């Protein structure tokens, strides 16, 4: 029976938490700060926005959850050109990181197009203006253009393309592998490039996303912003991008964009036109290590449990594997070995859904307990089980396994260090 790579990664995370007071503060506060714990114990796909199944790993701050999307979208016409200029400059800086063969082929195709297409050739050799360029290019379908270029690239006419083809195929595979291995990093790189439409789409849905979080957790905006302000004070989050909009100036919407480092509790700007308080939406960058914890296989739950165990000087092995199963935590306590299993679920939509989850999780834990021949096993949930006491008691009696939520874990494990 062996520990895995996950064990080493978890040990490294705990070492880093111990080195950094701001992270240690957060993990200590998880034990008694109900709002912080509720927020951070959400399933990653509930805590963060996602697109086509890919998580967009940013926290969001909004002044209210009832956002007029048309106001956000109108931002494109007011400041998109300035944002595009910035995005273009950033893109030119970032493009140097592309494999050289990609750039060479792009240039090769562009030159072929310029040499063979009469309208584009006229842009180069005849009179030129931005308006003329826009008029000519506006008549082209991008797919048709690239098909035209592709049809004119012929290895028989240019044998040197054979070697280029091999380079391109190799680099394309490497590029695809990099994107697939960490798609969230790819999304973040697009956000860092200040591409307007990506950011605006996040702002557009920020209010409804935060609203869904507050509804699930039965939390109000003041409590939510208090958590964000605490994280900001510890420098574990910072502003990535924000927009302010005046909902009073209906006839002439006032929209502002800011990248200033203002805390979530200081997002108060008055409309320069009418003097009323402006609504806002902010995208918040998260500390890299904290983000890795939140995106962990078991969310923040497994890291929080490991921190609780280490704080109480309980020795443990994590992600232990044998020929049959993988076990989350095997703990060595004064009262013997304890198996601890972490379960991160989406917030239950009904009592029926949680009943099924409890039955399945306890049945699996029972098999693990029998395989290890251990007297004590506990299953730890990421959300509050107070509402489901009857279901918990029924499951506990049926399988002889403790079922608790993360808020109960500190006291539960403390009891194992007392003789």
Protein backbone atom coordinates (compact mmCIF):
# COMPACT_ATOMS: atom_id res chain seq x y z
CA UNK A 1 0.00 0.00 0.00
CA UNK A 2 1.61 3.22 -1.16
CA UNK A 3 1.09 6.98 -1.01
CA UNK A 4 0.78 8.70 -4.35
CA UNK A 5 1.97 11.84 -6.10
CA UNK A 6 -1.07 13.57 -4.56
CA UNK A 7 0.39 12.90 -1.10
CA UNK A 8 3.60 14.75 -2.01
CA UNK A 9 1.63 17.60 -3.55
CA UNK A 10 -0.50 17.91 -0.42
CA UNK A 11 2.58 17.91 1.82
CA UNK A 12 4.08 20.67 -0.33
CA UNK A 13 0.88 22.73 -0.07
CA UNK A 14 0.84 22.38 3.73
CA UNK A 15 4.49 23.47 3.89
CA UNK A 16 3.70 26.54 1.79
CA UNK A 17 0.68 27.40 3.97
CA UNK A 18 2.91 27.22 7.04
CA UNK A 19 5.45 29.54 5.40
CA UNK A 20 2.88 32.17 4.43
CA UNK A 21 1.02 33.83 7.34
CA UNK A 22 -1.79 35.11 5.10
CA UNK A 23 -2.62 31.57 3.92
CA UNK A 24 -2.31 30.16 7.43
CA UNK A 25 -4.76 32.85 8.58
CA UNK A 26 -7.33 31.77 6.00
CA UNK A 27 -7.08 28.07 6.83
CA UNK A 28 -7.31 28.80 10.55
CA UNK A 29 -10.36 30.98 9.96
CA UNK A 30 -12.06 28.20 8.04
CA UNK A 31 -12.65 26.54 11.40
CA UNK A 32 -14.84 29.31 12.80
CA UNK A 33 -15.78 31.72 9.97
CA UNK A 34 -19.03 30.26 8.65
CA UNK A 35 -19.29 32.59 5.63
CA UNK A 36 -15.72 32.00 4.47
CA UNK A 37 -16.09 28.27 4.95
CA UNK A 38 -19.43 28.08 3.13
CA UNK A 39 -18.07 30.03 0.14
CA UNK A 40 -14.79 28.18 -0.22
CA UNK A 41 -16.32 24.75 0.29
CA UNK A 42 -18.57 25.13 -2.74
CA UNK A 43 -17.95 22.72 -5.58
CA UNK A 44 -15.50 24.45 -8.01
CA UNK A 45 -18.17 24.54 -10.73
CA UNK A 46 -20.46 26.43 -8.33
CA UNK A 47 -17.85 28.80 -6.92
CA UNK A 48 -16.48 29.79 -10.33
CA UNK A 49 -18.08 30.62 -13.65
CA UNK A 50 -17.46 28.13 -16.43
CA UNK A 51 -17.59 28.04 -20.20
CA UNK A 52 -18.22 24.80 -22.10
CA UNK A 53 -17.29 22.87 -18.97
CA UNK A 54 -14.03 24.77 -18.42
CA UNK A 55 -13.74 26.66 -15.14
CA UNK A 56 -12.90 30.37 -15.31
CA UNK A 57 -10.90 30.64 -12.06
CA UNK A 58 -11.74 34.16 -10.87
CA UNK A 59 -13.87 35.42 -8.01
CA UNK A 60 -16.43 38.10 -8.77
CA UNK A 61 -17.55 41.19 -6.89
CA UNK A 62 -20.76 43.03 -7.79
CA UNK A 63 -22.83 45.78 -6.23
CA UNK A 64 -26.08 43.95 -6.95
CA UNK A 65 -27.26 40.78 -8.64
CA UNK A 66 -29.92 42.43 -10.84
CA UNK A 67 -27.70 43.60 -13.67
CA UNK A 68 -29.13 45.15 -16.83
CA UNK A 69 -27.13 43.19 -19.41
CA UNK A 70 -27.84 45.76 -22.10
CA UNK A 71 -25.88 48.31 -20.09
CA UNK A 72 -22.91 45.98 -19.85
CA UNK A 73 -23.06 45.13 -23.54
CA UNK A 74 -23.23 48.81 -24.50
CA UNK A 75 -19.79 49.07 -22.94
CA UNK A 76 -18.45 47.63 -26.21
CA UNK A 77 -19.46 50.70 -28.21
CA UNK A 78 -18.15 53.17 -25.61
CA UNK A 79 -14.73 51.82 -24.71
CA UNK A 80 -14.10 48.79 -26.91
CA UNK A 81 -11.84 50.70 -29.28
CA UNK A 82 -9.52 51.78 -26.47
CA UNK A 83 -9.59 48.25 -25.08
CA UNK A 84 -8.88 46.86 -28.53
CA UNK A 85 -5.82 49.09 -28.88
CA UNK A 86 -4.52 47.80 -25.56
CA UNK A 87 -5.39 44.21 -26.52
CA UNK A 88 -3.61 44.62 -29.86
CA UNK A 89 -0.43 45.90 -28.21
CA UNK A 90 -0.55 43.06 -25.70
CA UNK A 91 -1.21 40.56 -28.49
CA UNK A 92 1.87 41.74 -30.39
CA UNK A 93 3.89 41.22 -27.21
CA UNK A 94 2.35 37.78 -26.54
CA UNK A 95 2.56 36.51 -30.11
CA UNK A 96 6.32 36.13 -29.86
CA UNK A 97 5.62 33.10 -27.65
CA UNK A 98 3.99 31.27 -30.58
CA UNK A 99 6.18 28.69 -32.35
CA UNK A 100 8.14 30.36 -35.14
CA UNK A 101 6.76 27.97 -37.76
CA UNK A 102 3.20 29.23 -37.01
CA UNK A 103 4.27 32.81 -37.70
CA UNK A 104 6.23 31.84 -40.81
CA UNK A 105 3.26 29.97 -42.29
CA UNK A 106 0.92 32.85 -41.48
CA UNK A 107 3.25 35.29 -43.23
CA UNK A 108 3.68 32.87 -46.16
CA UNK A 109 -0.11 32.56 -46.59
CA UNK A 110 -0.63 36.32 -46.29
CA UNK A 111 1.97 37.01 -48.98
CA UNK A 112 0.46 34.41 -51.31
CA UNK A 113 -2.95 36.00 -50.83
CA UNK A 114 -1.53 39.46 -51.53
CA UNK A 115 0.26 38.23 -54.66
CA UNK A 116 -2.68 36.30 -56.14
CA UNK A 117 -5.87 38.10 -55.08
CA UNK A 118 -6.47 41.14 -57.28
CA UNK A 119 -8.46 43.17 -54.73
CA UNK A 120 -5.91 42.68 -51.95
CA UNK A 121 -3.04 43.25 -54.35
CA UNK A 122 -4.63 46.58 -55.26
CA UNK A 123 -4.60 47.56 -51.56
CA UNK A 124 -0.82 47.17 -51.64
CA UNK A 125 0.00 48.66 -55.03
CA UNK A 126 -2.82 51.21 -55.45
CA UNK A 127 -4.26 54.02 -53.34
CA UNK A 128 -4.62 52.99 -49.69
CA UNK A 129 -6.72 54.12 -46.73
CA UNK A 130 -8.28 52.51 -43.69
CA UNK A 131 -11.76 53.02 -45.16
CA UNK A 132 -10.75 51.32 -48.44
CA UNK A 133 -9.17 48.42 -46.57
CA UNK A 134 -12.27 47.96 -44.42
CA UNK A 135 -14.51 48.03 -47.50
CA UNK A 136 -12.43 45.43 -49.38
CA UNK A 137 -11.82 43.06 -46.48
CA UNK A 138 -15.43 43.38 -45.36
CA UNK A 139 -16.52 41.57 -48.51
CA UNK A 140 -14.38 38.54 -47.71
CA UNK A 141 -15.51 35.46 -45.80
CA UNK A 142 -12.60 34.42 -43.56
CA UNK A 143 -13.19 30.70 -44.18
CA UNK A 144 -13.24 31.22 -47.93
CA UNK A 145 -10.06 33.30 -47.75
CA UNK A 146 -8.13 30.62 -45.86
CA UNK A 147 -9.46 27.93 -48.21
CA UNK A 148 -8.19 30.03 -51.10
CA UNK A 149 -4.78 30.35 -49.47
CA UNK A 150 -4.68 26.63 -48.67
CA UNK A 151 -5.48 25.70 -52.26
CA UNK A 152 -2.59 27.83 -53.51
CA UNK A 153 0.01 26.37 -51.14
CA UNK A 154 1.45 23.52 -53.20
CA UNK A 155 4.38 21.33 -52.17
CA UNK A 156 5.09 20.57 -55.86
CA UNK A 157 5.61 24.28 -56.52
CA UNK A 158 7.64 24.78 -53.32
CA UNK A 159 9.41 21.59 -52.08
CA UNK A 160 10.76 23.46 -49.02
CA UNK A 161 7.24 23.22 -47.58
CA UNK A 162 7.76 19.49 -46.90
CA UNK A 163 10.09 20.22 -43.99
CA UNK A 164 7.86 23.07 -42.82
CA UNK A 165 4.90 20.70 -42.77
CA UNK A 166 6.75 18.33 -40.42
CA UNK A 167 7.73 21.23 -38.12
CA UNK A 168 4.16 22.54 -38.12
CA UNK A 169 2.61 19.15 -37.29
CA UNK A 170 5.07 18.62 -34.42
CA UNK A 171 4.51 22.12 -32.99
CA UNK A 172 0.72 21.83 -33.43
CA UNK A 173 0.71 18.63 -31.37
CA UNK A 174 2.83 20.28 -28.65
CA UNK A 175 0.53 23.34 -28.64
CA UNK A 176 -2.60 21.21 -28.41
CA UNK A 177 -1.04 19.18 -25.60
CA UNK A 178 -0.20 22.34 -23.64
CA UNK A 179 -3.73 23.71 -23.96
CA UNK A 180 -5.36 20.39 -23.06
CA UNK A 181 -3.05 19.77 -20.08
CA UNK A 182 -4.10 23.03 -18.43
CA UNK A 183 -7.09 24.60 -20.21
CA UNK A 184 -7.71 27.01 -17.32
CA UNK A 185 -4.24 28.52 -17.79
CA UNK A 186 -5.14 29.04 -21.43
CA UNK A 187 -8.35 30.88 -20.45
CA UNK A 188 -6.38 33.02 -17.98
CA UNK A 189 -3.85 33.91 -20.66
CA UNK A 190 -6.69 35.18 -22.86
CA UNK A 191 -7.98 37.32 -19.97
CA UNK A 192 -4.48 38.64 -19.32
CA UNK A 193 -4.32 39.74 -22.96
CA UNK A 194 -7.22 42.14 -22.25
CA UNK A 195 -9.38 40.71 -25.03
CA UNK A 196 -12.57 42.78 -24.65
CA UNK A 197 -15.33 40.30 -25.54
CA UNK A 198 -14.08 37.69 -23.07
CA UNK A 199 -14.05 40.12 -20.17
CA UNK A 200 -17.37 41.68 -21.10
CA UNK A 201 -19.04 38.27 -21.24
CA UNK A 202 -17.84 37.66 -17.67
CA UNK A 203 -19.13 41.04 -16.48
CA UNK A 204 -22.40 40.38 -18.26
CA UNK A 205 -23.06 37.22 -16.21
CA UNK A 206 -21.29 38.24 -12.98
CA UNK A 207 -24.46 39.44 -11.24
CA UNK A 208 -26.46 36.28 -11.93
CA UNK A 209 -23.51 34.07 -10.93
CA UNK A 210 -22.99 35.83 -7.61
CA UNK A 211 -26.76 35.76 -7.12
CA UNK A 212 -26.81 31.97 -7.52
CA UNK A 213 -24.03 31.64 -4.92
CA UNK A 214 -25.88 33.83 -2.42
CA UNK A 215 -29.09 31.89 -2.95
CA UNK A 216 -27.41 28.51 -2.42
CA UNK A 217 -25.62 29.63 0.73
CA UNK A 218 -28.49 31.77 2.07
CA UNK A 219 -25.92 34.56 2.34
CA UNK A 220 -26.49 38.27 1.81
CA UNK A 221 -24.33 40.66 -0.20
CA UNK A 222 -22.83 42.25 2.91
CA UNK A 223 -21.62 38.87 4.18
CA UNK A 224 -20.23 37.94 0.76
CA UNK A 225 -18.34 41.22 0.41
CA UNK A 226 -16.99 40.88 3.94
CA UNK A 227 -15.29 37.63 2.90
CA UNK A 228 -13.86 39.27 -0.23
CA UNK A 229 -12.63 42.27 1.77
CA UNK A 230 -10.85 39.99 4.21
CA UNK A 231 -9.14 38.13 1.34
CA UNK A 232 -8.20 41.47 -0.24
CA UNK A 233 -6.73 42.70 3.04
CA UNK A 234 -4.51 39.60 3.14
CA UNK A 235 -3.50 40.24 -0.50
CA UNK A 236 -4.94 36.88 -1.57
CA UNK A 237 -7.13 38.51 -4.20
CA UNK A 238 -6.74 41.64 -6.30
CA UNK A 239 -8.69 43.44 -8.97
CA UNK A 240 -8.13 42.12 -12.49
CA UNK A 241 -10.73 44.24 -14.24
CA UNK A 242 -13.83 46.24 -13.29
CA UNK A 243 -16.58 48.32 -14.84
CA UNK A 244 -18.85 50.95 -13.25
CA UNK A 245 -22.23 51.87 -14.67
CA UNK A 246 -24.86 54.43 -13.73
CA UNK A 247 -28.34 52.95 -13.71
CA UNK A 248 -29.88 56.38 -13.07
CA UNK A 249 -28.77 57.96 -16.37
CA UNK A 250 -31.09 55.90 -18.56
CA UNK A 251 -31.11 58.43 -21.41
CA UNK A 252 -27.30 58.57 -21.61
CA UNK A 253 -25.71 55.55 -19.80
CA UNK A 254 -22.46 56.44 -18.06
CA UNK A 255 -19.90 53.63 -18.15
CA UNK A 256 -16.40 53.62 -16.71
CA UNK A 257 -13.65 51.02 -16.73
CA UNK A 258 -10.96 50.76 -14.06
CA UNK A 259 -7.96 48.60 -13.27
CA UNK A 260 -7.11 50.41 -10.04
CA UNK A 261 -6.38 48.24 -7.01
CA UNK A 262 -9.41 49.18 -4.90
CA UNK A 263 -10.70 46.78 -2.24
CA UNK A 264 -14.20 45.25 -2.60
CA UNK A 265 -15.41 47.37 0.33
CA UNK A 266 -14.21 50.59 -1.33
CA UNK A 267 -15.91 50.24 -4.70
CA UNK A 268 -17.82 53.49 -4.35
CA UNK A 269 -17.77 55.84 -7.31
CA UNK A 270 -20.34 58.52 -8.01
CA UNK A 271 -21.59 59.13 -11.51
CA UNK A 272 -19.80 62.17 -13.00
CA UNK A 273 -23.05 63.16 -14.74
CA UNK A 274 -25.77 62.85 -12.07
CA UNK A 275 -23.82 62.28 -8.84
CA UNK A 276 -25.63 59.03 -7.98
CA UNK A 277 -23.77 55.95 -6.75
CA UNK A 278 -22.62 53.79 -9.66
CA UNK A 279 -23.14 50.04 -9.81
CA UNK A 280 -20.06 47.91 -10.43
CA UNK A 281 -18.77 44.51 -11.46
CA UNK A 282 -15.22 43.33 -10.77
CA UNK A 283 -13.18 40.30 -11.83
CA UNK A 284 -10.82 39.26 -9.03
CA UNK A 285 -7.50 37.47 -9.45
CA UNK A 286 -6.80 34.79 -6.83
CA UNK A 287 -3.44 33.93 -5.25
CA UNK A 288 -1.94 31.06 -7.27
CA UNK A 289 -1.55 28.60 -4.38
CA UNK A 290 -5.00 29.36 -2.97
CA UNK A 291 -6.45 28.92 -6.45
CA UNK A 292 -4.71 25.55 -6.82
CA UNK A 293 -6.27 24.48 -3.52
CA UNK A 294 -9.73 25.57 -4.64
CA UNK A 295 -9.32 23.68 -7.92
CA UNK A 296 -7.97 20.57 -6.23
CA UNK A 297 -9.62 17.21 -7.06
CA UNK A 298 -11.60 17.40 -3.82
CA UNK A 299 -11.86 21.20 -3.87
CA UNK A 300 -10.51 22.95 -0.82
CA UNK A 301 -11.98 20.22 1.41
CA UNK A 302 -9.05 17.79 1.35
CA UNK A 303 -6.52 20.59 1.98
CA UNK A 304 -8.64 21.91 4.87
CA UNK A 305 -8.88 18.42 6.42
CA UNK A 306 -5.10 17.94 6.05
CA UNK A 307 -4.53 21.31 7.72
CA UNK A 308 -6.83 20.35 10.62
CA UNK A 309 -4.95 17.06 11.10
CA UNK A 310 -1.51 18.69 10.95
CA UNK A 311 -2.57 21.44 13.35
CA UNK A 312 -3.59 18.73 15.87
CA UNK A 313 -0.37 16.81 15.25
CA UNK A 314 -2.21 13.77 13.94
CA UNK A 315 -0.01 11.79 11.57
CA UNK A 316 -1.66 10.75 8.34
CA UNK A 317 -1.14 9.42 4.85
CA UNK A 318 -3.23 10.79 2.00
CA UNK A 319 -4.30 9.37 -1.36
CA UNK A 320 -3.16 5.90 -0.30
CA UNK A 321 -3.62 3.24 -2.98
CA UNK A 322 -3.75 -0.54 -2.98
CA UNK A 323 -4.82 -3.01 -5.64
CA UNK A 324 -8.51 -2.26 -5.02
CA UNK A 325 -9.10 1.28 -3.79
CA UNK A 326 -7.71 4.73 -3.16
CA UNK A 327 -8.19 6.06 0.36
CA UNK A 328 -8.27 9.80 1.08
CA UNK A 329 -6.75 9.84 4.57
CA UNK A 330 -5.50 7.11 6.91
CA UNK A 331 -4.87 8.78 10.27
CA UNK A 332 -2.77 7.52 13.19
CA UNK A 333 -4.42 8.62 16.45
CA UNK A 334 -4.09 7.74 20.12
CA UNK A 335 -7.29 5.75 19.74
CA UNK A 336 -6.08 3.79 16.73
CA UNK A 337 -6.25 4.23 12.96
CA UNK A 338 -9.07 6.24 11.42
CA UNK A 339 -10.07 6.30 7.77
CA UNK A 340 -11.31 9.72 6.60
CA UNK A 341 -12.99 10.13 3.21
CA UNK A 342 -13.71 13.55 1.67
CA UNK A 343 -16.80 14.08 -0.48
CA UNK A 344 -17.24 17.25 -2.51
CA UNK A 345 -20.73 17.54 -3.96
CA UNK A 346 -22.69 20.28 -5.63
CA UNK A 347 -25.24 21.90 -3.36
CA UNK A 348 -28.22 19.51 -3.05
CA UNK A 349 -31.29 20.51 -5.03
CA UNK A 350 -33.61 18.30 -3.00
CA UNK A 351 -33.71 15.92 -0.05
CA UNK A 352 -33.99 13.07 -2.53
CA UNK A 353 -30.69 13.98 -4.22
CA UNK A 354 -28.76 14.15 -0.94
CA UNK A 355 -30.33 10.90 0.26
CA UNK A 356 -28.89 9.17 -2.80
CA UNK A 357 -25.47 10.78 -2.27
CA UNK A 358 -25.32 9.75 1.39
CA UNK A 359 -26.28 6.15 0.59
CA UNK A 360 -23.69 5.88 -2.18
CA UNK A 361 -20.88 7.53 -0.20
CA UNK A 362 -21.43 5.48 2.96
CA UNK A 363 -21.65 2.26 0.98
CA UNK A 364 -18.33 3.03 -0.69
CA UNK A 365 -16.72 4.03 2.63
CA UNK A 366 -17.96 0.75 4.16
CA UNK A 367 -16.13 -1.22 1.46
CA UNK A 368 -12.97 0.80 2.11
CA UNK A 369 -13.24 0.25 5.87
CA UNK A 370 -13.65 -3.50 5.42
CA UNK A 371 -10.72 -3.67 3.00
CA UNK A 372 -8.46 -1.99 5.57
CA UNK A 373 -10.07 -3.75 8.54
CA UNK A 374 -10.27 -0.49 10.48
CA UNK A 375 -12.59 0.13 13.45
CA UNK A 376 -13.29 3.83 12.72
CA UNK A 377 -14.27 5.61 9.53
CA UNK A 378 -15.61 9.10 8.90
CA UNK A 379 -17.04 10.63 5.74
CA UNK A 380 -16.66 14.42 5.54
CA UNK A 381 -18.96 16.56 3.37
CA UNK A 382 -18.16 19.98 1.96
CA UNK A 383 -21.51 21.58 2.87
CA UNK A 384 -23.58 21.97 6.03
CA UNK A 385 -25.55 18.83 6.96
CA UNK A 386 -27.58 20.45 9.75
CA UNK A 387 -30.75 20.39 7.65
CA UNK A 388 -30.39 16.70 6.96
CA UNK A 389 -29.89 15.32 10.48
CA UNK A 390 -32.43 12.53 10.05
CA UNK A 391 -30.77 11.27 6.87
CA UNK A 392 -27.36 11.44 8.51
CA UNK A 393 -28.50 9.47 11.56
CA UNK A 394 -30.18 6.82 9.40
CA UNK A 395 -27.03 6.35 7.30
CA UNK A 396 -24.72 6.31 10.31
CA UNK A 397 -26.76 3.58 12.03
CA UNK A 398 -27.00 1.50 8.85
CA UNK A 399 -23.29 1.44 8.05
CA UNK A 400 -21.63 2.16 11.40
CA UNK A 401 -19.73 5.06 9.85
CA UNK A 402 -19.58 8.65 11.06
CA UNK A 403 -20.89 11.27 8.64
CA UNK A 404 -20.01 14.92 9.36
CA UNK A 405 -19.56 18.17 7.46
CA UNK A 406 -16.36 20.22 7.44
CA UNK A 407 -17.61 22.53 10.22
CA UNK A 408 -17.63 19.53 12.58
CA UNK A 409 -14.20 18.20 11.57
CA UNK A 410 -12.05 20.26 14.03
CA UNK A 411 -13.94 18.99 17.11
CA UNK A 412 -14.22 15.49 15.66
CA UNK A 413 -10.47 15.09 15.23
CA UNK A 414 -9.69 16.87 18.49
CA UNK A 415 -11.59 14.07 20.25
CA UNK A 416 -9.07 11.56 18.87
CA UNK A 417 -6.11 13.24 20.55
CA UNK A 418 -7.73 13.12 23.98
CA UNK A 419 -7.34 9.89 25.93
